[in-house]
Protein backbone atom coordinates (compact mmCIF):
# COMPACT_ATOMS: atom_id res chain seq x y z
CA MET A 1 -129.18 5.50 -232.14
CA ALA A 2 -130.97 4.44 -235.31
CA ILE A 3 -132.24 1.31 -233.54
CA VAL A 4 -133.50 3.38 -230.60
CA ALA A 5 -135.26 5.84 -232.91
CA GLY A 6 -136.77 3.00 -234.93
CA SER A 7 -137.98 1.34 -231.72
CA VAL A 8 -139.73 4.54 -230.67
CA VAL A 9 -141.51 4.72 -234.03
CA VAL A 10 -142.59 1.08 -233.78
CA ALA A 11 -143.87 1.59 -230.22
CA VAL A 12 -145.88 4.66 -231.14
CA LEU A 13 -147.36 2.88 -234.16
CA ALA A 14 -148.28 -0.19 -232.06
CA LEU A 15 -149.98 1.99 -229.44
CA TRP A 16 -151.89 3.80 -232.21
CA ILE A 17 -153.07 0.48 -233.69
CA GLN A 18 -154.14 -0.64 -230.22
CA ASN A 19 -156.35 2.43 -229.93
CA ALA A 20 -157.74 1.78 -233.41
CA ILE A 21 -158.77 -1.75 -232.37
CA VAL A 22 -160.69 -0.47 -229.35
CA PRO A 23 -160.30 3.13 -228.14
CA TYR A 24 -158.49 3.32 -224.81
CA SER A 25 -161.28 5.59 -223.57
CA LYS A 26 -164.11 3.15 -224.41
CA PRO A 27 -165.87 2.30 -221.11
CA PHE A 28 -165.44 -1.35 -220.10
CA TRP A 29 -164.00 -2.44 -223.49
CA GLY A 30 -160.89 -0.21 -223.46
CA LEU A 31 -157.54 -1.97 -222.89
CA PHE A 32 -157.11 -0.74 -219.32
CA ASP A 33 -160.73 -1.13 -218.27
CA ASN A 34 -162.69 -4.21 -217.10
CA GLN A 35 -160.09 -6.11 -214.94
CA LEU A 36 -162.77 -8.68 -214.08
CA ASP A 37 -160.33 -11.45 -213.16
CA LEU A 38 -158.29 -9.16 -210.93
CA ASP A 39 -161.52 -8.28 -209.14
CA VAL A 40 -162.25 -12.00 -208.74
CA TYR A 41 -158.78 -12.54 -207.24
CA ARG A 42 -159.41 -9.71 -204.80
CA ALA A 43 -162.86 -11.05 -203.94
CA GLY A 44 -161.44 -14.53 -203.36
CA ALA A 45 -158.80 -13.14 -201.01
CA GLN A 46 -161.44 -11.14 -199.15
CA THR A 47 -163.60 -14.27 -198.82
CA VAL A 48 -160.71 -16.05 -197.10
CA LEU A 49 -160.00 -13.04 -194.87
CA ASP A 50 -163.69 -13.03 -193.88
CA GLY A 51 -163.50 -16.71 -192.94
CA ASP A 52 -165.98 -17.87 -195.60
CA LYS A 53 -165.71 -20.94 -197.87
CA LEU A 54 -163.66 -19.98 -200.91
CA TYR A 55 -164.88 -22.63 -203.34
CA ASP A 56 -168.57 -22.38 -202.42
CA ALA A 57 -168.74 -18.61 -202.74
CA LYS A 58 -170.04 -16.90 -205.86
CA LEU A 59 -167.53 -14.11 -206.20
CA LEU A 60 -168.90 -10.81 -207.48
CA GLY A 61 -172.25 -12.58 -207.42
CA GLN A 62 -171.47 -14.94 -210.29
CA MET A 63 -167.87 -16.18 -210.49
CA ASP A 64 -166.14 -19.31 -209.14
CA TYR A 65 -162.60 -19.25 -207.79
CA THR A 66 -160.61 -21.74 -209.88
CA TYR A 67 -157.02 -21.52 -208.64
CA THR A 68 -155.41 -23.41 -205.75
CA PRO A 69 -155.66 -22.37 -202.08
CA PHE A 70 -151.95 -21.46 -202.15
CA SER A 71 -152.63 -18.84 -204.82
CA ILE A 72 -154.76 -16.78 -202.48
CA PHE A 73 -151.72 -15.66 -200.47
CA GLY A 74 -150.46 -13.63 -203.43
CA PHE A 75 -153.81 -11.90 -203.87
CA ILE A 76 -154.36 -10.82 -200.26
CA PRO A 77 -152.31 -7.59 -200.65
CA PHE A 78 -154.60 -6.60 -203.52
CA ALA A 79 -157.66 -7.15 -201.34
CA TRP A 80 -156.25 -4.52 -199.00
CA MET A 81 -156.05 -2.00 -201.87
CA SER A 82 -158.88 -0.14 -203.52
CA MET A 83 -159.75 -1.47 -206.98
CA THR A 84 -158.36 1.72 -208.52
CA VAL A 85 -154.95 1.25 -206.91
CA ALA A 86 -154.96 -2.51 -207.50
CA ARG A 87 -155.68 -1.95 -211.20
CA VAL A 88 -152.71 0.40 -211.63
CA VAL A 89 -150.33 -1.89 -209.72
CA TRP A 90 -151.48 -5.02 -211.57
CA ILE A 91 -151.32 -3.55 -215.08
CA GLY A 92 -147.98 -1.93 -214.34
CA GLY A 93 -146.74 -5.29 -213.10
CA ILE A 94 -147.86 -7.02 -216.31
CA LEU A 95 -146.00 -4.50 -218.47
CA VAL A 96 -142.85 -4.85 -216.37
CA ALA A 97 -143.14 -8.66 -216.50
CA LEU A 98 -143.47 -8.51 -220.29
CA TYR A 99 -140.35 -6.37 -220.57
CA PHE A 100 -138.52 -8.69 -218.17
CA THR A 101 -139.60 -11.75 -220.16
CA ILE A 102 -138.37 -10.26 -223.41
CA MET A 103 -135.05 -9.16 -221.92
CA ILE A 104 -134.22 -12.47 -220.26
CA SER A 105 -135.24 -14.22 -223.47
CA PHE A 106 -132.80 -12.15 -225.52
CA ARG A 107 -130.07 -12.59 -222.92
CA SER A 108 -130.55 -16.36 -222.97
CA LEU A 109 -129.89 -16.16 -226.70
CA GLY A 110 -126.57 -14.43 -226.12
CA ARG A 111 -127.66 -10.83 -226.63
CA SER A 112 -126.03 -8.20 -224.41
CA PRO A 113 -128.37 -5.83 -222.54
CA THR A 114 -127.36 -2.70 -224.42
CA LEU A 115 -129.42 0.49 -224.69
CA ALA A 116 -130.44 -0.56 -228.19
CA LEU A 117 -131.66 -3.96 -226.98
CA ARG A 118 -133.63 -2.35 -224.16
CA ALA A 119 -135.28 0.00 -226.65
CA VAL A 120 -136.16 -2.98 -228.84
CA ALA A 121 -137.60 -4.77 -225.80
CA VAL A 122 -139.82 -1.79 -224.92
CA ALA A 123 -141.05 -1.63 -228.52
CA LEU A 124 -141.72 -5.36 -228.47
CA VAL A 125 -143.84 -4.96 -225.33
CA THR A 126 -146.15 -2.63 -227.25
CA VAL A 127 -146.18 -4.94 -230.27
CA MET A 128 -146.91 -8.03 -228.16
CA MET A 129 -149.83 -6.13 -226.61
CA LEU A 130 -151.44 -6.35 -230.06
CA LEU A 131 -151.66 -10.14 -229.67
CA GLU A 132 -154.96 -11.38 -228.27
CA PRO A 133 -153.36 -13.48 -225.49
CA VAL A 134 -151.43 -10.47 -224.18
CA ARG A 135 -154.16 -7.89 -224.73
CA THR A 136 -156.79 -9.94 -222.95
CA THR A 137 -154.35 -10.78 -220.14
CA ILE A 138 -154.15 -7.02 -219.53
CA TRP A 139 -157.86 -6.41 -220.12
CA TYR A 140 -159.04 -9.18 -217.77
CA GLY A 141 -156.27 -8.55 -215.23
CA GLN A 142 -155.03 -12.11 -215.64
CA ILE A 143 -151.99 -13.77 -214.04
CA ASN A 144 -150.47 -15.62 -217.02
CA VAL A 145 -147.59 -13.24 -217.84
CA PHE A 146 -146.36 -13.31 -214.24
CA LEU A 147 -146.26 -17.11 -214.16
CA MET A 148 -144.46 -17.28 -217.52
CA ALA A 149 -141.84 -14.75 -216.38
CA ILE A 150 -141.15 -16.75 -213.21
CA VAL A 151 -140.79 -20.03 -215.10
CA LEU A 152 -138.39 -18.53 -217.64
CA ALA A 153 -136.33 -16.74 -214.99
CA ASP A 154 -136.05 -20.04 -213.13
CA LEU A 155 -135.43 -22.55 -215.91
CA LEU A 156 -133.22 -20.39 -218.14
CA ARG A 157 -130.59 -20.46 -215.39
CA PRO A 158 -127.65 -22.88 -215.82
CA ASP A 159 -128.34 -26.55 -215.11
CA GLY A 160 -126.42 -26.53 -211.85
CA ALA A 161 -128.02 -23.37 -210.50
CA ARG A 162 -129.11 -23.63 -206.88
CA LEU A 163 -132.79 -24.50 -206.32
CA ARG A 164 -133.44 -24.51 -210.06
CA GLY A 165 -137.02 -25.68 -210.64
CA VAL A 166 -138.41 -24.70 -207.23
CA ALA A 167 -139.89 -21.41 -208.44
CA THR A 168 -141.52 -23.24 -211.35
CA GLY A 169 -143.01 -25.67 -208.84
CA LEU A 170 -144.44 -22.75 -206.89
CA THR A 171 -146.14 -21.46 -210.04
CA ALA A 172 -147.65 -24.94 -210.46
CA GLY A 173 -148.90 -24.51 -206.91
CA ILE A 174 -150.93 -21.56 -208.20
CA LYS A 175 -152.01 -22.97 -211.56
CA LEU A 176 -151.36 -26.65 -212.19
CA THR A 177 -150.25 -26.56 -215.83
CA PRO A 178 -146.57 -25.63 -215.13
CA MET A 179 -146.11 -29.13 -213.70
CA LEU A 180 -145.58 -30.19 -217.31
CA PHE A 181 -142.13 -28.62 -217.06
CA ALA A 182 -141.20 -31.33 -214.54
CA VAL A 183 -142.10 -33.95 -217.14
CA TYR A 184 -139.96 -32.18 -219.75
CA LEU A 185 -137.03 -31.97 -217.34
CA LEU A 186 -137.29 -35.69 -216.63
CA VAL A 187 -137.36 -36.49 -220.34
CA ILE A 188 -134.14 -34.53 -220.93
CA ARG A 189 -132.70 -36.28 -217.83
CA ASN A 190 -132.36 -33.14 -215.73
CA THR A 191 -133.56 -34.97 -212.64
CA ARG A 192 -132.28 -32.38 -210.19
CA ALA A 193 -134.36 -29.56 -211.68
CA ALA A 194 -137.39 -31.86 -212.03
CA VAL A 195 -137.14 -32.69 -208.33
CA GLY A 196 -136.96 -28.94 -207.68
CA VAL A 197 -140.25 -28.44 -209.53
CA VAL A 198 -141.93 -31.24 -207.58
CA ALA A 199 -140.51 -29.93 -204.30
CA GLY A 200 -141.79 -26.41 -205.00
CA PHE A 201 -145.22 -27.76 -205.87
CA VAL A 202 -145.44 -30.03 -202.83
CA GLY A 203 -144.28 -27.17 -200.62
CA SER A 204 -147.08 -24.95 -201.95
CA VAL A 205 -149.68 -27.65 -201.27
CA LEU A 206 -148.39 -28.25 -197.74
CA LEU A 207 -148.40 -24.53 -197.01
CA GLY A 208 -151.97 -24.34 -198.24
CA PHE A 209 -152.99 -27.18 -195.92
CA ALA A 210 -151.11 -25.63 -193.00
CA ILE A 211 -152.89 -22.27 -193.28
CA LEU A 212 -156.18 -23.19 -194.99
CA PRO A 213 -156.74 -26.88 -194.14
CA SER A 214 -160.48 -27.21 -194.87
CA THR A 215 -160.25 -25.07 -198.01
CA SER A 216 -157.32 -27.13 -199.27
CA TRP A 217 -159.12 -30.40 -198.57
CA ASP A 218 -162.16 -29.15 -200.49
CA TYR A 219 -160.06 -28.15 -203.49
CA TRP A 220 -157.76 -31.18 -203.77
CA THR A 221 -160.46 -33.81 -203.10
CA SER A 222 -163.40 -32.27 -204.95
CA LYS A 223 -163.18 -29.02 -206.90
CA LEU A 224 -160.02 -29.95 -208.81
CA ARG A 225 -161.89 -32.73 -210.66
CA ASP A 226 -164.46 -30.35 -212.13
CA PRO A 227 -162.89 -28.83 -215.28
CA ASP A 228 -166.16 -27.10 -216.18
CA ARG A 229 -165.71 -24.70 -213.25
CA VAL A 230 -163.51 -22.61 -215.53
CA GLY A 231 -165.98 -22.65 -218.42
CA THR A 232 -167.87 -24.87 -220.82
CA PRO A 233 -165.83 -26.67 -223.52
CA GLN A 234 -167.87 -25.29 -226.43
CA THR A 235 -166.63 -21.72 -226.17
CA PRO A 236 -164.86 -19.74 -228.92
CA GLY A 237 -162.12 -18.71 -226.51
CA ASN A 238 -161.31 -22.30 -225.49
CA GLN A 239 -158.06 -22.69 -227.41
CA SER A 240 -157.24 -26.28 -226.44
CA ILE A 241 -157.58 -29.67 -228.09
CA ARG A 242 -160.75 -30.26 -226.07
CA GLY A 243 -162.01 -26.88 -227.26
CA LEU A 244 -161.24 -27.89 -230.85
CA LEU A 245 -163.36 -31.04 -230.53
CA ALA A 246 -166.16 -29.18 -228.76
CA ASN A 247 -166.28 -26.19 -231.10
CA LEU A 248 -165.90 -28.08 -234.38
CA GLY A 249 -168.36 -30.73 -233.17
CA HIS A 250 -170.77 -28.13 -231.76
CA THR A 251 -171.08 -30.01 -228.48
CA ASN A 252 -170.34 -29.44 -224.80
CA GLU A 253 -169.57 -33.14 -224.42
CA PRO A 254 -166.78 -33.97 -226.90
CA ASN A 255 -165.83 -37.64 -227.22
CA GLY A 256 -163.69 -38.42 -224.17
CA LEU A 257 -161.67 -41.21 -225.77
CA LEU A 258 -160.88 -39.13 -228.85
CA TRP A 259 -159.85 -36.23 -226.63
CA ILE A 260 -157.46 -38.43 -224.62
CA LEU A 261 -155.94 -39.84 -227.81
CA LEU A 262 -155.40 -36.37 -229.27
CA VAL A 263 -153.99 -35.13 -225.97
CA LEU A 264 -151.43 -37.96 -226.11
CA VAL A 265 -150.58 -36.96 -229.68
CA GLY A 266 -150.28 -33.30 -228.68
CA PHE A 267 -148.16 -34.19 -225.65
CA THR A 268 -145.83 -36.35 -227.74
CA LEU A 269 -145.59 -33.73 -230.47
CA GLY A 270 -144.92 -30.84 -228.06
CA ILE A 271 -142.48 -32.57 -225.72
CA GLY A 272 -140.77 -34.26 -228.66
CA ALA A 273 -140.22 -30.90 -230.36
CA ALA A 274 -139.02 -29.40 -227.06
CA VAL A 275 -136.44 -32.20 -226.67
CA VAL A 276 -135.21 -31.61 -230.23
CA ALA A 277 -134.87 -27.88 -229.48
CA HIS A 278 -133.04 -28.63 -226.21
CA ARG A 279 -130.56 -30.96 -227.93
CA ALA A 280 -129.87 -28.23 -230.48
CA GLY A 281 -129.05 -25.79 -227.68
CA GLN A 282 -132.27 -23.80 -228.11
CA GLU A 283 -133.53 -23.88 -224.51
CA LEU A 284 -135.77 -20.82 -224.81
CA LEU A 285 -137.52 -22.44 -227.77
CA ALA A 286 -137.84 -25.69 -225.81
CA LEU A 287 -139.44 -23.96 -222.82
CA SER A 288 -141.79 -22.02 -225.10
CA LEU A 289 -142.90 -25.29 -226.70
CA VAL A 290 -143.54 -26.88 -223.29
CA GLY A 291 -145.60 -23.85 -222.27
CA MET A 292 -147.63 -24.08 -225.47
CA THR A 293 -148.08 -27.82 -224.95
CA SER A 294 -149.52 -27.20 -221.49
CA CYS A 295 -152.14 -24.95 -223.10
CA ALA A 296 -152.98 -27.37 -225.92
CA ILE A 297 -153.54 -30.41 -223.71
CA SER A 298 -155.33 -28.58 -220.90
CA PRO A 299 -159.08 -29.29 -220.60
CA MET A 300 -159.70 -25.54 -220.82
CA ALA A 301 -157.24 -23.03 -222.24
CA TRP A 302 -158.53 -19.53 -222.75
CA GLY A 303 -156.83 -17.43 -225.39
CA HIS A 304 -155.03 -15.41 -222.73
CA HIS A 305 -153.26 -18.57 -221.53
CA TRP A 306 -151.20 -18.58 -224.74
CA VAL A 307 -148.79 -15.82 -223.66
CA TRP A 308 -146.01 -18.29 -224.55
CA PHE A 309 -146.18 -16.73 -228.01
CA VAL A 310 -144.05 -13.89 -226.54
CA PRO A 311 -140.79 -15.81 -225.95
CA LEU A 312 -141.48 -17.79 -229.13
CA ALA A 313 -141.55 -14.47 -231.02
CA VAL A 314 -138.21 -13.50 -229.47
CA VAL A 315 -136.69 -16.78 -230.67
CA ALA A 316 -138.00 -16.15 -234.18
CA LEU A 317 -136.88 -12.51 -234.33
CA ASN A 318 -133.42 -13.46 -233.07
CA TRP A 319 -133.20 -16.09 -235.83
CA ILE A 320 -134.24 -13.61 -238.52
CA SER A 321 -131.66 -11.05 -237.34
CA ASP A 322 -128.84 -13.62 -237.23
CA ALA A 323 -126.71 -13.05 -240.32
CA GLY A 324 -125.14 -16.47 -239.79
CA ARG A 325 -128.40 -18.21 -240.68
CA SER A 326 -129.16 -19.15 -244.26
CA ALA A 327 -131.34 -16.76 -246.22
CA SER A 328 -133.89 -19.48 -246.95
CA SER A 329 -134.33 -20.36 -243.26
CA ARG A 330 -134.69 -16.69 -242.34
CA ILE A 331 -137.40 -16.30 -244.96
CA VAL A 332 -139.26 -19.39 -243.69
CA VAL A 333 -139.13 -18.14 -240.11
CA GLY A 334 -140.19 -14.68 -241.27
CA VAL A 335 -143.24 -16.13 -243.00
CA MET A 336 -144.06 -18.09 -239.85
CA VAL A 337 -143.79 -14.95 -237.72
CA VAL A 338 -146.20 -13.08 -239.98
CA GLY A 339 -148.61 -16.01 -240.07
CA GLY A 340 -148.47 -16.54 -236.31
CA PHE A 341 -148.88 -12.83 -235.63
CA LEU A 342 -151.96 -12.65 -237.84
CA ALA A 343 -153.42 -15.78 -236.21
CA ALA A 344 -152.95 -14.35 -232.70
CA PHE A 345 -153.69 -10.70 -233.55
CA SER A 346 -156.39 -8.83 -231.63
CA TRP A 347 -158.93 -9.03 -234.42
CA ARG A 348 -162.03 -7.08 -233.44
CA THR A 349 -165.60 -8.22 -233.89
CA TYR A 350 -167.92 -5.31 -233.13
CA LEU A 351 -171.53 -5.90 -232.14
CA GLY A 352 -173.41 -2.64 -232.42
CA TYR A 353 -176.47 -3.82 -230.55
CA ALA A 354 -177.39 -4.85 -227.03
CA THR A 355 -176.04 -8.26 -226.02
CA TRP A 356 -175.63 -10.29 -222.83
CA GLN A 357 -171.95 -10.03 -221.90
CA PHE A 358 -170.38 -11.03 -218.57
CA ASN A 359 -173.81 -11.58 -217.00
CA GLN A 360 -174.93 -8.11 -217.90
CA THR A 361 -176.71 -6.49 -220.82
CA ARG A 362 -174.38 -4.11 -222.65
CA ASP A 363 -175.27 -1.64 -225.38
CA ASP A 364 -172.51 -2.91 -227.68
CA ALA A 365 -169.56 -5.26 -227.59
CA TYR A 366 -165.97 -5.45 -228.83
CA LEU A 367 -165.04 -9.14 -229.03
CA ILE A 368 -161.31 -9.75 -229.46
CA GLY A 369 -159.68 -12.71 -231.20
CA LEU A 370 -159.66 -14.47 -234.56
CA PHE A 371 -161.86 -17.22 -233.07
CA PHE A 372 -164.82 -14.82 -232.95
CA LYS A 373 -164.70 -14.71 -236.78
CA HIS A 374 -165.92 -18.32 -237.06
CA GLY A 375 -168.75 -18.86 -239.50
CA SER A 376 -167.66 -16.00 -241.76
CA VAL A 377 -164.60 -17.43 -243.56
CA GLY A 378 -165.99 -20.47 -245.36
CA TRP A 379 -163.60 -23.38 -245.76
CA LEU A 380 -161.08 -21.89 -243.31
CA ASP A 381 -163.52 -22.16 -240.42
CA TRP A 382 -161.66 -25.18 -239.02
CA PHE A 383 -158.61 -22.94 -238.54
CA VAL A 384 -160.44 -19.85 -237.30
CA TRP A 385 -162.15 -21.77 -234.49
CA GLU A 386 -158.82 -22.91 -232.97
CA PRO A 387 -155.94 -20.89 -234.47
CA TYR A 388 -153.62 -21.33 -231.48
CA VAL A 389 -153.79 -25.12 -231.56
CA TRP A 390 -152.85 -25.07 -235.24
CA VAL A 391 -150.01 -22.59 -234.64
CA PHE A 392 -148.77 -25.00 -231.97
CA VAL A 393 -148.95 -27.97 -234.35
CA VAL A 394 -147.16 -26.16 -237.18
CA THR A 395 -144.42 -24.89 -234.84
CA CYS A 396 -143.79 -28.37 -233.44
CA VAL A 397 -143.67 -29.97 -236.89
CA VAL A 398 -141.22 -27.35 -238.20
CA VAL A 399 -138.96 -27.83 -235.17
CA LEU A 400 -139.02 -31.61 -235.57
CA ILE A 401 -138.18 -31.32 -239.28
CA ALA A 402 -135.42 -28.75 -238.66
CA GLY A 403 -133.72 -30.94 -236.03
CA ALA A 404 -130.01 -30.30 -235.67
CA ARG A 405 -130.23 -27.31 -238.04
CA LEU A 406 -131.61 -25.35 -235.08
CA ARG A 407 -128.11 -25.12 -233.66
CA ALA A 408 -126.54 -21.69 -233.60
CA PRO A 409 -124.17 -21.21 -236.53
CA ALA A 410 -120.49 -21.43 -235.66
CA LYS A 411 -118.62 -18.14 -235.39
CA PRO A 412 -115.70 -17.64 -237.79
CA ALA A 413 -113.13 -18.11 -235.00
CA GLU A 414 -114.79 -21.36 -233.98
CA VAL A 415 -114.69 -22.61 -237.57
CA GLN A 416 -110.98 -21.84 -237.81
CA ALA A 417 -110.31 -23.61 -234.54
CA GLU A 418 -111.92 -26.72 -235.95
C-alpha cells in the first residue's frame, strides 16, 4: 500500500505543477482548452462529407489538412459530435492511451499488472503530462499518443503473433513516419512482420482510393511532396534535423545536401542503436529508438511528435528500479532521466502583451517548450533550439556504447543452473 499511497502523492503533485505552469482555467492556454488540431480533423471530415476537395480547402479558414485520405475515416465520428463532446472524448482517449502505453511497456519488461503497478502507471500518466510533447498533444488535440499505443501494442507481441505488423502499417496509412518500423524489422530479419507493416499500409492506401479516389490521387501525386504544408522549417517547434539546420542557420531553406547527409547519419545512428537494443533483448527500447528516429529524420517534427519519450522513460525507470543492475549504471541512467526530463519539460515562456498567435491577436501568450527559451541562454543556445534531437543523439550513443550490457541480469536460479 505504500507504493499506492506514494503514487497518489506523486500524481497530486504533478497535477499541481501542471496548474502552476498554466492554470487549467486560463482561457485558450489552459491544458484542456484550444484543441485546434482536433477541430481541424473534424473540419476535414466534414469537408469530405460535404463532397468538397479536402486538400484544397482552408479548414477553419486558415489550416491545411496534412494527413492521408485514409485518416479521414477515423475522424468522421468526431464530425458528427459537437466540439464540446468531441473534446471530452478525445482528451479522455489520450489519457487512456497513455495509461495503456505505460502498462504494456511495463508488462513487456516482465512486470506483473498488480494494483501497485497500476497505481504507478496512473501517477506516471500525470508526470508524463508535464513533458512538452505530451502536454501539447493534449492541448492541440493531436493524434500522436494513439498511433504510438497502436504500434507498441502491435510490435511488442511475440514474433510469431498472427498479423503482427499490420496495425503498424495502418498507422503509417494515417501518418507516414511509422513506415520506418518496416525498415527496422527488415534489418533485424523479421521479414514476416515487415511484410505485415507493408501490407497494412498498402491496404490503407487502396481503401482510400476505393472510397475517395480523386482525393487520394491528389494527395499521393501532389500534396505529399510538399513538406512545407505542415509548417516552415525555421520554427522553434520543429524538432527535427531539418529544423536544427533551419533554426541554427536562421533560414527557411537549409542546405539540402547537408540535410540529406545528416538524415543518413541520424538514420544509421537510430536504427543501429535499435538493433543493438533488440539483440540485447530490450525490444521496448528498440521500438522507442525507432520512433524517435522517425521524428529526427522527418522533414518536419513538431515537439508533440516526440511522445516516444514516454516508453523510453518506462525503460529507464525499470532499469533504475532493478536491483540486479550495477549501482553505477543505475546512477548513469538516473542522471539521463533527469536530464531528459528537464530537456522535454513544459517550460513556460509568458508574453504579457498582445501578440499574433494562431492567426489571431491575443492579449497574452503562454508558449510551452524549452525551444522557446532560445536567445536567452548564451552558449547553450545550440542545445535549447533543438533539445529533442540532442536527447535522441545522446540516447543512441549511450545504447551503442552499452551494447551487450543492456541485457537483463540473470536471476540467481539461472546463474546456478549455468
